[in-house]
């Protein structure tokens, strides 16, 4: 019986590496250090969400209906998956424009504007 691949050590929770592959037909064994894909590190719940998302061809309204969750929840789950895969969300230019507009209107100080742009 095959078990799903675990990606973290059950003792210390650090990332595991695959070091051995074996053919079930001829029993050839290959030993080395192999990397898992980013998708392999996701939880079963996250993989199920991705499956629904892809089946819906990225249509968030369809994902909402299929999973019975709200738009903000769908967006939140997407953001969590993106972060879990190691992608950092870039600040949009729209945010920076908004900060500059607030600065020009005197709603915030230059120091506050810098903190917002830097994400402090």
PDB file of N, CA and C in Angstrom:
ATOM      1  N   UNK A   1       0.845  -1.184   0.000  1.00  0.00           N
ATOM      2  CA  UNK A   1       0.000   0.000   0.000  1.00  0.00           C
ATOM      3  C   UNK A   1       0.885   1.241   0.000  1.00  0.00           C
ATOM      4  N   UNK A   2       0.594   2.192  -0.870  1.00  0.00           N
ATOM      5  CA  UNK A   2       1.373   3.423  -0.951  1.00  0.00           C
ATOM      6  C   UNK A   2       0.771   4.475  -0.024  1.00  0.00           C
ATOM      7  N   UNK A   3       1.621   5.217   0.615  1.00  0.00           N
ATOM      8  CA  UNK A   3       1.201   6.301   1.502  1.00  0.00           C
ATOM      9  C   UNK A   3       1.506   7.629   0.829  1.00  0.00           C
ATOM     10  N   UNK A   4       0.735   8.685   1.159  1.00  0.00           N
ATOM     11  CA  UNK A   4       1.062   9.993   0.588  1.00  0.00           C
ATOM     12  C   UNK A   4       2.416  10.473   1.106  1.00  0.00           C
ATOM     13  N   UNK A   5       3.102  11.232   0.284  1.00  0.00           N
ATOM     14  CA  UNK A   5       4.416  11.752   0.664  1.00  0.00           C
ATOM     15  C   UNK A   5       4.229  12.787   1.772  1.00  0.00           C
ATOM     16  N   UNK A   6       5.011  12.651   2.837  1.00  0.00           N
ATOM     17  CA  UNK A   6       5.011  13.689   3.861  1.00  0.00           C
ATOM     18  C   UNK A   6       6.163  14.635   3.553  1.00  0.00           C
ATOM     19  N   UNK A   7       5.984  15.890   3.853  1.00  0.00           N
ATOM     20  CA  UNK A   7       6.985  16.887   3.472  1.00  0.00           C
ATOM     21  C   UNK A   7       7.744  17.469   4.650  1.00  0.00           C
ATOM     22  N   UNK A   8       7.246  17.202   5.870  1.00  0.00           N
ATOM     23  CA  UNK A   8       7.923  17.715   7.056  1.00  0.00           C
ATOM     24  C   UNK A   8       8.196  16.582   8.028  1.00  0.00           C
ATOM     25  N   UNK A   9       9.317  16.681   8.722  1.00  0.00           N
ATOM     26  CA  UNK A   9       9.723  15.679   9.700  1.00  0.00           C
ATOM     27  C   UNK A   9       8.700  15.617  10.834  1.00  0.00           C
ATOM     28  N   UNK A  10       8.231  14.424  11.186  1.00  0.00           N
ATOM     29  CA  UNK A  10       7.263  14.323  12.276  1.00  0.00           C
ATOM     30  C   UNK A  10       7.873  14.624  13.648  1.00  0.00           C
ATOM     31  N   UNK A  11       9.193  14.650  13.733  1.00  0.00           N
ATOM     32  CA  UNK A  11       9.861  14.915  15.013  1.00  0.00           C
ATOM     33  C   UNK A  11      10.134  16.404  15.196  1.00  0.00           C
ATOM     34  N   UNK A  12      10.827  17.023  14.230  1.00  0.00           N
ATOM     35  CA  UNK A  12      11.251  18.422  14.407  1.00  0.00           C
ATOM     36  C   UNK A  12      10.521  19.399  13.494  1.00  0.00           C
ATOM     37  N   UNK A  13       9.690  18.900  12.573  1.00  0.00           N
ATOM     38  CA  UNK A  13       8.899  19.718  11.644  1.00  0.00           C
ATOM     39  C   UNK A  13       9.704  20.404  10.540  1.00  0.00           C
ATOM     40  N   UNK A  14      10.980  20.104  10.401  1.00  0.00           N
ATOM     41  CA  UNK A  14      11.787  20.660   9.308  1.00  0.00           C
ATOM     42  C   UNK A  14      11.447  19.934   8.008  1.00  0.00           C
ATOM     43  N   UNK A  15      11.775  20.552   6.887  1.00  0.00           N
ATOM     44  CA  UNK A  15      11.463  19.990   5.573  1.00  0.00           C
ATOM     45  C   UNK A  15      12.236  18.696   5.330  1.00  0.00           C
ATOM     46  N   UNK A  16      11.550  17.724   4.769  1.00  0.00           N
ATOM     47  CA  UNK A  16      12.180  16.453   4.399  1.00  0.00           C
ATOM     48  C   UNK A  16      12.619  16.502   2.940  1.00  0.00           C
ATOM     49  N   UNK A  17      13.633  15.715   2.608  1.00  0.00           N
ATOM     50  CA  UNK A  17      14.083  15.562   1.224  1.00  0.00           C
ATOM     51  C   UNK A  17      13.903  14.100   0.833  1.00  0.00           C
ATOM     52  N   UNK A  18      13.512  13.889  -0.397  1.00  0.00           N
ATOM     53  CA  UNK A  18      13.401  12.526  -0.915  1.00  0.00           C
ATOM     54  C   UNK A  18      14.794  12.077  -1.319  1.00  0.00           C
ATOM     55  N   UNK A  19      15.195  10.904  -0.850  1.00  0.00           N
ATOM     56  CA  UNK A  19      16.559  10.430  -1.143  1.00  0.00           C
ATOM     57  C   UNK A  19      16.585   9.078  -1.856  1.00  0.00           C
ATOM     58  N   UNK A  20      15.417   8.466  -2.043  1.00  0.00           N
ATOM     59  CA  UNK A  20      15.415   7.146  -2.662  1.00  0.00           C
ATOM     60  C   UNK A  20      14.150   6.963  -3.487  1.00  0.00           C
ATOM     61  N   UNK A  21      14.316   6.481  -4.728  1.00  0.00           N
ATOM     62  CA  UNK A  21      13.203   6.148  -5.608  1.00  0.00           C
ATOM     63  C   UNK A  21      13.355   4.690  -6.022  1.00  0.00           C
ATOM     64  N   UNK A  22      12.220   3.981  -6.123  1.00  0.00           N
ATOM     65  CA  UNK A  22      12.302   2.575  -6.507  1.00  0.00           C
ATOM     66  C   UNK A  22      11.169   2.214  -7.455  1.00  0.00           C
ATOM     67  N   UNK A  23      11.516   1.472  -8.501  1.00  0.00           N
ATOM     68  CA  UNK A  23      10.536   0.982  -9.466  1.00  0.00           C
ATOM     69  C   UNK A  23       9.815  -0.231  -8.865  1.00  0.00           C
ATOM     70  N   UNK A  24       8.479  -0.202  -8.886  1.00  0.00           N
ATOM     71  CA  UNK A  24       7.726  -1.333  -8.335  1.00  0.00           C
ATOM     72  C   UNK A  24       7.718  -2.536  -9.275  1.00  0.00           C
ATOM     73  N   UNK A  25       8.082  -2.313 -10.544  1.00  0.00           N
ATOM     74  CA  UNK A  25       8.082  -3.402 -11.517  1.00  0.00           C
ATOM     75  C   UNK A  25       9.398  -4.185 -11.491  1.00  0.00           C
ATOM     76  N   UNK A  26      10.520  -3.479 -11.723  1.00  0.00           N
ATOM     77  CA  UNK A  26      11.806  -4.178 -11.821  1.00  0.00           C
ATOM     78  C   UNK A  26      12.681  -3.998 -10.582  1.00  0.00           C
ATOM     79  N   UNK A  27      12.224  -3.212  -9.632  1.00  0.00           N
ATOM     80  CA  UNK A  27      12.914  -2.962  -8.360  1.00  0.00           C
ATOM     81  C   UNK A  27      14.220  -2.191  -8.495  1.00  0.00           C
ATOM     82  N   UNK A  28      14.397  -1.497  -9.614  1.00  0.00           N
ATOM     83  CA  UNK A  28      15.549  -0.606  -9.742  1.00  0.00           C
ATOM     84  C   UNK A  28      15.422   0.468  -8.679  1.00  0.00           C
ATOM     85  N   UNK A  29      16.529   0.750  -8.015  1.00  0.00           N
ATOM     86  CA  UNK A  29      16.528   1.760  -6.966  1.00  0.00           C
ATOM     87  C   UNK A  29      17.508   2.867  -7.338  1.00  0.00           C
ATOM     88  N   UNK A  30      17.067   4.102  -7.174  1.00  0.00           N
ATOM     89  CA  UNK A  30      17.910   5.268  -7.438  1.00  0.00           C
ATOM     90  C   UNK A  30      17.992   6.064  -6.143  1.00  0.00           C
ATOM     91  N   UNK A  31      19.224   6.326  -5.718  1.00  0.00           N
ATOM     92  CA  UNK A  31      19.416   7.122  -4.508  1.00  0.00           C
ATOM     93  C   UNK A  31      20.142   8.403  -4.851  1.00  0.00           C
ATOM     94  N   UNK A  32      19.614   9.499  -4.363  1.00  0.00           N
ATOM     95  CA  UNK A  32      20.175  10.830  -4.550  1.00  0.00           C
ATOM     96  C   UNK A  32      19.336  11.776  -3.709  1.00  0.00           C
ATOM     97  N   UNK A  33      19.507  13.067  -3.905  1.00  0.00           N
ATOM     98  CA  UNK A  33      18.674  14.037  -3.206  1.00  0.00           C
ATOM     99  C   UNK A  33      17.743  14.669  -4.231  1.00  0.00           C
ATOM    100  N   UNK A  34      16.438  14.445  -4.061  1.00  0.00           N
ATOM    101  CA  UNK A  34      15.439  14.932  -4.996  1.00  0.00           C
ATOM    102  C   UNK A  34      14.590  16.013  -4.333  1.00  0.00           C
ATOM    103  N   UNK A  35      14.155  16.980  -5.138  1.00  0.00           N
ATOM    104  CA  UNK A  35      13.316  18.056  -4.613  1.00  0.00           C
ATOM    105  C   UNK A  35      11.854  17.793  -4.912  1.00  0.00           C
ATOM    106  N   UNK A  36      11.001  18.218  -3.983  1.00  0.00           N
ATOM    107  CA  UNK A  36       9.563  18.159  -4.194  1.00  0.00           C
ATOM    108  C   UNK A  36       9.109  19.421  -4.918  1.00  0.00           C
ATOM    109  N   UNK A  37       8.037  19.318  -5.660  1.00  0.00           N
ATOM    110  CA  UNK A  37       7.478  20.515  -6.284  1.00  0.00           C
ATOM    111  C   UNK A  37       6.815  21.364  -5.203  1.00  0.00           C
ATOM    112  N   UNK A  38       6.565  22.608  -5.511  1.00  0.00           N
ATOM    113  CA  UNK A  38       5.896  23.499  -4.557  1.00  0.00           C
ATOM    114  C   UNK A  38       4.500  22.986  -4.236  1.00  0.00           C
ATOM    115  N   UNK A  39       3.843  22.368  -5.212  1.00  0.00           N
ATOM    116  CA  UNK A  39       2.507  21.828  -4.973  1.00  0.00           C
ATOM    117  C   UNK A  39       2.533  20.680  -3.967  1.00  0.00           C
ATOM    118  N   UNK A  40       3.605  19.921  -3.957  1.00  0.00           N
ATOM    119  CA  UNK A  40       3.710  18.774  -3.050  1.00  0.00           C
ATOM    120  C   UNK A  40       3.788  19.197  -1.591  1.00  0.00           C
ATOM    121  N   UNK A  41       4.121  20.441  -1.348  1.00  0.00           N
ATOM    122  CA  UNK A  41       4.238  20.903   0.036  1.00  0.00           C
ATOM    123  C   UNK A  41       2.925  21.435   0.594  1.00  0.00           C
ATOM    124  N   UNK A  42       1.881  21.496  -0.232  1.00  0.00           N
ATOM    125  CA  UNK A  42       0.591  22.011   0.225  1.00  0.00           C
ATOM    126  C   UNK A  42      -0.191  20.945   0.987  1.00  0.00           C
ATOM    127  N   UNK A  43      -1.107  21.402   1.847  1.00  0.00           N
ATOM    128  CA  UNK A  43      -1.960  20.478   2.599  1.00  0.00           C
ATOM    129  C   UNK A  43      -3.012  19.875   1.677  1.00  0.00           C
ATOM    130  N   UNK A  44      -3.649  18.812   2.130  1.00  0.00           N
ATOM    131  CA  UNK A  44      -4.718  18.186   1.344  1.00  0.00           C
ATOM    132  C   UNK A  44      -5.855  19.173   1.105  1.00  0.00           C
ATOM    133  N   UNK A  45      -6.170  19.986   2.106  1.00  0.00           N
ATOM    134  CA  UNK A  45      -7.225  20.992   1.970  1.00  0.00           C
ATOM    135  C   UNK A  45      -6.877  22.026   0.900  1.00  0.00           C
ATOM    136  N   UNK A  46      -5.611  22.451   0.887  1.00  0.00           N
ATOM    137  CA  UNK A  46      -5.171  23.424  -0.118  1.00  0.00           C
ATOM    138  C   UNK A  46      -5.196  22.811  -1.513  1.00  0.00           C
ATOM    139  N   UNK A  47      -4.787  21.555  -1.637  1.00  0.00           N
ATOM    140  CA  UNK A  47      -4.815  20.881  -2.934  1.00  0.00           C
ATOM    141  C   UNK A  47      -6.245  20.704  -3.440  1.00  0.00           C
ATOM    142  N   UNK A  48      -7.173  20.403  -2.534  1.00  0.00           N
ATOM    143  CA  UNK A  48      -8.575  20.275  -2.913  1.00  0.00           C
ATOM    144  C   UNK A  48      -9.103  21.619  -3.424  1.00  0.00           C
ATOM    145  N   UNK A  49      -8.747  22.699  -2.734  1.00  0.00           N
ATOM    146  CA  UNK A  49      -9.167  24.032  -3.162  1.00  0.00           C
ATOM    147  C   UNK A  49      -8.626  24.331  -4.563  1.00  0.00           C
ATOM    148  N   UNK A  50      -7.349  24.012  -4.804  1.00  0.00           N
ATOM    149  CA  UNK A  50      -6.746  24.252  -6.118  1.00  0.00           C
ATOM    150  C   UNK A  50      -7.470  23.430  -7.189  1.00  0.00           C
ATOM    151  N   UNK A  51      -7.825  22.205  -6.856  1.00  0.00           N
ATOM    152  CA  UNK A  51      -8.556  21.359  -7.798  1.00  0.00           C
ATOM    153  C   UNK A  51      -9.895  22.005  -8.178  1.00  0.00           C
ATOM    154  N   UNK A  52     -10.634  22.505  -7.189  1.00  0.00           N
ATOM    155  CA  UNK A  52     -11.913  23.170  -7.450  1.00  0.00           C
ATOM    156  C   UNK A  52     -11.684  24.447  -8.249  1.00  0.00           C
ATOM    157  N   UNK A  53     -10.657  25.197  -7.888  1.00  0.00           N
ATOM    158  CA  UNK A  53     -10.336  26.446  -8.577  1.00  0.00           C
ATOM    159  C   UNK A  53     -10.027  26.181 -10.048  1.00  0.00           C
ATOM    160  N   UNK A  54      -9.223  25.172 -10.324  1.00  0.00           N
ATOM    161  CA  UNK A  54      -8.873  24.840 -11.710  1.00  0.00           C
ATOM    162  C   UNK A  54     -10.078  24.297 -12.476  1.00  0.00           C
ATOM    163  N   UNK A  55     -10.868  23.447 -11.810  1.00  0.00           N
ATOM    164  CA  UNK A  55     -12.060  22.906 -12.450  1.00  0.00           C
ATOM    165  C   UNK A  55     -13.023  24.031 -12.832  1.00  0.00           C
ATOM    166  N   UNK A  56     -13.040  25.086 -12.010  1.00  0.00           N
ATOM    167  CA  UNK A  56     -13.887  26.251 -12.279  1.00  0.00           C
ATOM    168  C   UNK A  56     -13.210  27.242 -13.213  1.00  0.00           C
ATOM    169  N   UNK A  57     -12.021  26.873 -13.696  1.00  0.00           N
ATOM    170  CA  UNK A  57     -11.219  27.711 -14.590  1.00  0.00           C
ATOM    171  C   UNK A  57     -10.972  29.102 -14.022  1.00  0.00           C
ATOM    172  N   UNK A  58     -10.763  29.141 -12.696  1.00  0.00           N
ATOM    173  CA  UNK A  58     -10.428  30.394 -12.032  1.00  0.00           C
ATOM    174  C   UNK A  58     -11.607  31.317 -11.792  1.00  0.00           C
ATOM    175  N   UNK A  59     -12.813  30.850 -12.068  1.00  0.00           N
ATOM    176  CA  UNK A  59     -14.006  31.672 -11.859  1.00  0.00           C
ATOM    177  C   UNK A  59     -14.358  31.644 -10.370  1.00  0.00           C
ATOM    178  N   UNK A  60     -14.090  32.748  -9.689  1.00  0.00           N
ATOM    179  CA  UNK A  60     -14.267  32.804  -8.240  1.00  0.00           C
ATOM    180  C   UNK A  60     -15.729  32.597  -7.852  1.00  0.00           C
ATOM    181  N   UNK A  61     -16.659  33.093  -8.649  1.00  0.00           N
ATOM    182  CA  UNK A  61     -18.089  32.897  -8.361  1.00  0.00           C
ATOM    183  C   UNK A  61     -18.435  31.398  -8.328  1.00  0.00           C
ATOM    184  N   UNK A  62     -17.870  30.640  -9.268  1.00  0.00           N
ATOM    185  CA  UNK A  62     -18.112  29.194  -9.291  1.00  0.00           C
ATOM    186  C   UNK A  62     -17.471  28.505  -8.089  1.00  0.00           C
ATOM    187  N   UNK A  63     -16.288  28.967  -7.699  1.00  0.00           N
ATOM    188  CA  UNK A  63     -15.613  28.401  -6.519  1.00  0.00           C
ATOM    189  C   UNK A  63     -16.460  28.676  -5.278  1.00  0.00           C
ATOM    190  N   UNK A  64     -16.994  29.897  -5.174  1.00  0.00           N
ATOM    191  CA  UNK A  64     -17.877  30.259  -4.055  1.00  0.00           C
ATOM    192  C   UNK A  64     -19.038  29.269  -3.963  1.00  0.00           C
ATOM    193  N   UNK A  65     -19.710  29.033  -5.101  1.00  0.00           N
ATOM    194  CA  UNK A  65     -20.869  28.135  -5.126  1.00  0.00           C
ATOM    195  C   UNK A  65     -20.474  26.702  -4.766  1.00  0.00           C
ATOM    196  N   UNK A  66     -19.399  26.231  -5.386  1.00  0.00           N
ATOM    197  CA  UNK A  66     -18.969  24.835  -5.184  1.00  0.00           C
ATOM    198  C   UNK A  66     -18.608  24.558  -3.732  1.00  0.00           C
ATOM    199  N   UNK A  67     -17.902  25.500  -3.096  1.00  0.00           N
ATOM    200  CA  UNK A  67     -17.440  25.287  -1.720  1.00  0.00           C
ATOM    201  C   UNK A  67     -18.363  25.897  -0.673  1.00  0.00           C
ATOM    202  N   UNK A  68     -19.337  26.699  -1.120  1.00  0.00           N
ATOM    203  CA  UNK A  68     -20.254  27.329  -0.182  1.00  0.00           C
ATOM    204  C   UNK A  68     -19.570  28.344   0.722  1.00  0.00           C
ATOM    205  N   UNK A  69     -18.634  29.103   0.139  1.00  0.00           N
ATOM    206  CA  UNK A  69     -17.907  30.115   0.902  1.00  0.00           C
ATOM    207  C   UNK A  69     -18.015  31.463   0.201  1.00  0.00           C
ATOM    208  N   UNK A  70     -17.688  32.521   0.926  1.00  0.00           N
ATOM    209  CA  UNK A  70     -17.816  33.876   0.390  1.00  0.00           C
ATOM    210  C   UNK A  70     -16.613  34.260  -0.464  1.00  0.00           C
ATOM    211  N   UNK A  71     -16.783  35.338  -1.228  1.00  0.00           N
ATOM    212  CA  UNK A  71     -15.697  35.869  -2.058  1.00  0.00           C
ATOM    213  C   UNK A  71     -14.451  36.174  -1.223  1.00  0.00           C
ATOM    214  N   UNK A  72     -14.573  36.891  -0.088  1.00  0.00           N
ATOM    215  CA  UNK A  72     -13.367  37.169   0.699  1.00  0.00           C
ATOM    216  C   UNK A  72     -12.675  35.892   1.194  1.00  0.00           C
ATOM    217  N   UNK A  73     -13.459  34.854   1.477  1.00  0.00           N
ATOM    218  CA  UNK A  73     -12.863  33.585   1.920  1.00  0.00           C
ATOM    219  C   UNK A  73     -12.096  32.925   0.784  1.00  0.00           C
ATOM    220  N   UNK A  74     -12.666  32.968  -0.422  1.00  0.00           N
ATOM    221  CA  UNK A  74     -11.961  32.418  -1.593  1.00  0.00           C
ATOM    222  C   UNK A  74     -10.649  33.159  -1.782  1.00  0.00           C
ATOM    223  N   UNK A  75     -10.693  34.497  -1.760  1.00  0.00           N
ATOM    224  CA  UNK A  75      -9.472  35.306  -1.928  1.00  0.00           C
ATOM    225  C   UNK A  75      -8.460  34.982  -0.830  1.00  0.00           C
ATOM    226  N   UNK A  76      -8.943  34.839   0.399  1.00  0.00           N
ATOM    227  CA  UNK A  76      -8.054  34.522   1.517  1.00  0.00           C
ATOM    228  C   UNK A  76      -7.364  33.182   1.334  1.00  0.00           C
ATOM    229  N   UNK A  77      -8.129  32.186   0.884  1.00  0.00           N
ATOM    230  CA  UNK A  77      -7.540  30.856   0.648  1.00  0.00           C
ATOM    231  C   UNK A  77      -6.508  30.916  -0.475  1.00  0.00           C
ATOM    232  N   UNK A  78      -6.818  31.671  -1.529  1.00  0.00           N
ATOM    233  CA  UNK A  78      -5.852  31.839  -2.621  1.00  0.00           C
ATOM    234  C   UNK A  78      -4.567  32.496  -2.113  1.00  0.00           C
ATOM    235  N   UNK A  79      -4.718  33.554  -1.323  1.00  0.00           N
ATOM    236  CA  UNK A  79      -3.543  34.244  -0.771  1.00  0.00           C
ATOM    237  C   UNK A  79      -2.722  33.318   0.112  1.00  0.00           C
ATOM    238  N   UNK A  80      -3.405  32.482   0.922  1.00  0.00           N
ATOM    239  CA  UNK A  80      -2.698  31.541   1.792  1.00  0.00           C
ATOM    240  C   UNK A  80      -1.895  30.532   0.973  1.00  0.00           C
ATOM    241  N   UNK A  81      -2.488  30.054  -0.110  1.00  0.00           N
ATOM    242  CA  UNK A  81      -1.810  29.075  -0.969  1.00  0.00           C
ATOM    243  C   UNK A  81      -0.609  29.714  -1.662  1.00  0.00           C
ATOM    244  N   UNK A  82      -0.792  30.921  -2.159  1.00  0.00           N
ATOM    245  CA  UNK A  82       0.314  31.640  -2.808  1.00  0.00           C
ATOM    246  C   UNK A  82       1.467  31.820  -1.815  1.00  0.00           C
ATOM    247  N   UNK A  83       1.145  32.203  -0.588  1.00  0.00           N
ATOM    248  CA  UNK A  83       2.178  32.384   0.442  1.00  0.00           C
ATOM    249  C   UNK A  83       2.829  31.046   0.803  1.00  0.00           C
ATOM    250  N   UNK A  84       2.023  29.980   0.916  1.00  0.00           N
ATOM    251  CA  UNK A  84       2.558  28.660   1.252  1.00  0.00           C
ATOM    252  C   UNK A  84       3.528  28.143   0.190  1.00  0.00           C
ATOM    253  N   UNK A  85       3.311  28.584  -1.051  1.00  0.00           N
ATOM    254  CA  UNK A  85       4.200  28.165  -2.135  1.00  0.00           C
ATOM    255  C   UNK A  85       5.455  29.035  -2.210  1.00  0.00           C
ATOM    256  N   UNK A  86       5.547  30.026  -1.329  1.00  0.00           N
ATOM    257  CA  UNK A  86       6.755  30.834  -1.245  1.00  0.00           C
ATOM    258  C   UNK A  86       6.761  32.080  -2.098  1.00  0.00           C
ATOM    259  N   UNK A  87       5.619  32.420  -2.669  1.00  0.00           N
ATOM    260  CA  UNK A  87       5.558  33.627  -3.479  1.00  0.00           C
ATOM    261  C   UNK A  87       5.163  34.802  -2.589  1.00  0.00           C
ATOM    262  N   UNK A  88       5.898  35.879  -2.709  1.00  0.00           N
ATOM    263  CA  UNK A  88       5.637  37.062  -1.907  1.00  0.00           C
ATOM    264  C   UNK A  88       4.769  38.002  -2.730  1.00  0.00           C
ATOM    265  N   UNK A  89       3.720  38.495  -2.096  1.00  0.00           N
ATOM    266  CA  UNK A  89       2.833  39.420  -2.784  1.00  0.00           C
ATOM    267  C   UNK A  89       3.528  40.759  -2.932  1.00  0.00           C
ATOM    268  N   UNK A  90       3.586  41.254  -4.158  1.00  0.00           N
ATOM    269  CA  UNK A  90       4.202  42.551  -4.419  1.00  0.00           C
ATOM    270  C   UNK A  90       3.184  43.644  -4.168  1.00  0.00           C
ATOM    271  N   UNK A  91       3.654  44.762  -3.669  1.00  0.00           N
ATOM    272  CA  UNK A  91       2.765  45.904  -3.477  1.00  0.00           C
ATOM    273  C   UNK A  91       2.390  46.445  -4.846  1.00  0.00           C
ATOM    274  N   UNK A  92       1.129  46.752  -4.998  1.00  0.00           N
ATOM    275  CA  UNK A  92       0.687  47.265  -6.289  1.00  0.00           C
ATOM    276  C   UNK A  92       0.974  48.753  -6.394  1.00  0.00           C
ATOM    277  N   UNK A  93       1.103  49.195  -7.631  1.00  0.00           N
ATOM    278  CA  UNK A  93       1.331  50.618  -7.870  1.00  0.00           C
ATOM    279  C   UNK A  93       0.128  51.434  -7.409  1.00  0.00           C
ATOM    280  N   UNK A  94      -1.056  50.861  -7.451  1.00  0.00           N
ATOM    281  CA  UNK A  94      -2.269  51.555  -7.029  1.00  0.00           C
ATOM    282  C   UNK A  94      -2.133  51.972  -5.570  1.00  0.00           C
ATOM    283  N   UNK A  95      -1.613  51.091  -4.724  1.00  0.00           N
ATOM    284  CA  UNK A  95      -1.421  51.410  -3.312  1.00  0.00           C
ATOM    285  C   UNK A  95      -0.469  52.595  -3.155  1.00  0.00           C
ATOM    286  N   UNK A  96       0.612  52.570  -3.908  1.00  0.00           N
ATOM    287  CA  UNK A  96       1.582  53.658  -3.815  1.00  0.00           C
ATOM    288  C   UNK A  96       0.979  54.970  -4.306  1.00  0.00           C
ATOM    289  N   UNK A  97       0.180  54.879  -5.344  1.00  0.00           N
ATOM    290  CA  UNK A  97      -0.485  56.097  -5.844  1.00  0.00           C
ATOM    291  C   UNK A  97      -1.442  56.655  -4.792  1.00  0.00           C
ATOM    292  N   UNK A  98      -2.129  55.765  -4.118  1.00  0.00           N
ATOM    293  CA  UNK A  98      -3.062  56.188  -3.076  1.00  0.00           C
ATOM    294  C   UNK A  98      -2.305  56.876  -1.934  1.00  0.00           C
ATOM    295  N   UNK A  99      -1.158  56.308  -1.564  1.00  0.00           N
ATOM    296  CA  UNK A  99      -0.342  56.896  -0.502  1.00  0.00           C
ATOM    297  C   UNK A  99       0.147  58.286  -0.929  1.00  0.00           C
ATOM    298  N   UNK A 100       0.584  58.394  -2.164  1.00  0.00           N
ATOM    299  CA  UNK A 100       1.056  59.699  -2.669  1.00  0.00           C
ATOM    300  C   UNK A 100      -0.089  60.706  -2.670  1.00  0.00           C
ATOM    301  N   UNK A 101      -1.273  60.266  -3.066  1.00  0.00           N
ATOM    302  CA  UNK A 101      -2.437  61.143  -3.061  1.00  0.00           C
ATOM    303  C   UNK A 101      -2.762  61.610  -1.643  1.00  0.00           C
ATOM    304  N   UNK A 102      -2.710  60.690  -0.691  1.00  0.00           N
ATOM    305  CA  UNK A 102      -2.969  61.047   0.705  1.00  0.00           C
ATOM    306  C   UNK A 102      -1.926  62.027   1.216  1.00  0.00           C
ATOM    307  N   UNK A 103      -0.687  61.835   0.797  1.00  0.00           N
ATOM    308  CA  UNK A 103       0.401  62.726   1.187  1.00  0.00           C
ATOM    309  C   UNK A 103       0.186  64.126   0.618  1.00  0.00           C
ATOM    310  N   UNK A 104      -0.197  64.180  -0.662  1.00  0.00           N
ATOM    311  CA  UNK A 104      -0.441  65.474  -1.310  1.00  0.00           C
ATOM    312  C   UNK A 104      -1.603  66.235  -0.666  1.00  0.00           C
ATOM    313  N   UNK A 105      -2.590  65.507  -0.189  1.00  0.00           N
ATOM    314  CA  UNK A 105      -3.746  66.134   0.442  1.00  0.00           C
ATOM    315  C   UNK A 105      -3.478  66.519   1.900  1.00  0.00           C
ATOM    316  N   UNK A 106      -2.306  66.126   2.393  1.00  0.00           N
ATOM    317  CA  UNK A 106      -1.971  66.444   3.783  1.00  0.00           C
ATOM    318  C   UNK A 106      -2.617  65.509   4.787  1.00  0.00           C
ATOM    319  N   UNK A 107      -3.135  64.369   4.318  1.00  0.00           N
ATOM    320  CA  UNK A 107      -3.793  63.419   5.207  1.00  0.00           C
ATOM    321  C   UNK A 107      -2.798  62.621   6.030  1.00  0.00           C
ATOM    322  N   UNK A 108      -1.585  62.480   5.494  1.00  0.00           N
ATOM    323  CA  UNK A 108      -0.514  61.774   6.214  1.00  0.00           C
ATOM    324  C   UNK A 108       0.777  62.557   6.079  1.00  0.00           C
ATOM    325  N   UNK A 109       1.711  62.271   6.979  1.00  0.00           N
ATOM    326  CA  UNK A 109       3.015  62.935   6.939  1.00  0.00           C
ATOM    327  C   UNK A 109       3.948  62.155   6.016  1.00  0.00           C
ATOM    328  N   UNK A 110       5.063  62.776   5.597  1.00  0.00           N
ATOM    329  CA  UNK A 110       6.032  62.037   4.776  1.00  0.00           C
ATOM    330  C   UNK A 110       6.553  60.777   5.484  1.00  0.00           C
ATOM    331  N   UNK A 111       6.766  60.867   6.785  1.00  0.00           N
ATOM    332  CA  UNK A 111       7.236  59.685   7.535  1.00  0.00           C
ATOM    333  C   UNK A 111       6.197  58.563   7.501  1.00  0.00           C
ATOM    334  N   UNK A 112       4.922  58.928   7.654  1.00  0.00           N
ATOM    335  CA  UNK A 112       3.855  57.925   7.604  1.00  0.00           C
ATOM    336  C   UNK A 112       3.774  57.303   6.209  1.00  0.00           C
ATOM    337  N   UNK A 113       3.950  58.132   5.186  1.00  0.00           N
ATOM    338  CA  UNK A 113       3.923  57.632   3.809  1.00  0.00           C
ATOM    339  C   UNK A 113       5.030  56.610   3.585  1.00  0.00           C
ATOM    340  N   UNK A 114       6.227  56.910   4.059  1.00  0.00           N
ATOM    341  CA  UNK A 114       7.350  55.965   3.925  1.00  0.00           C
ATOM    342  C   UNK A 114       7.062  54.660   4.640  1.00  0.00           C
ATOM    343  N   UNK A 115       6.493  54.745   5.834  1.00  0.00           N
ATOM    344  CA  UNK A 115       6.181  53.529   6.599  1.00  0.00           C
ATOM    345  C   UNK A 115       5.163  52.669   5.857  1.00  0.00           C
ATOM    346  N   UNK A 116       4.158  53.322   5.284  1.00  0.00           N
ATOM    347  CA  UNK A 116       3.126  52.576   4.550  1.00  0.00           C
ATOM    348  C   UNK A 116       3.727  51.898   3.321  1.00  0.00           C
ATOM    349  N   UNK A 117       4.537  52.629   2.565  1.00  0.00           N
ATOM    350  CA  UNK A 117       5.142  52.077   1.350  1.00  0.00           C
ATOM    351  C   UNK A 117       6.103  50.945   1.671  1.00  0.00           C
ATOM    352  N   UNK A 118       6.869  51.086   2.749  1.00  0.00           N
ATOM    353  CA  UNK A 118       7.820  50.039   3.142  1.00  0.00           C
ATOM    354  C   UNK A 118       7.118  48.850   3.807  1.00  0.00           C
ATOM    355  N   UNK A 119       5.858  49.069   4.237  1.00  0.00           N
ATOM    356  CA  UNK A 119       5.123  47.977   4.886  1.00  0.00           C
ATOM    357  C   UNK A 119       5.425  47.870   6.358  1.00  0.00           C
ATOM    358  N   UNK A 120       5.895  48.911   6.958  1.00  0.00           N
ATOM    359  CA  UNK A 120       6.191  48.893   8.401  1.00  0.00           C
ATOM    360  C   UNK A 120       4.932  49.048   9.226  1.00  0.00           C
TER     361      UNK A 120
END
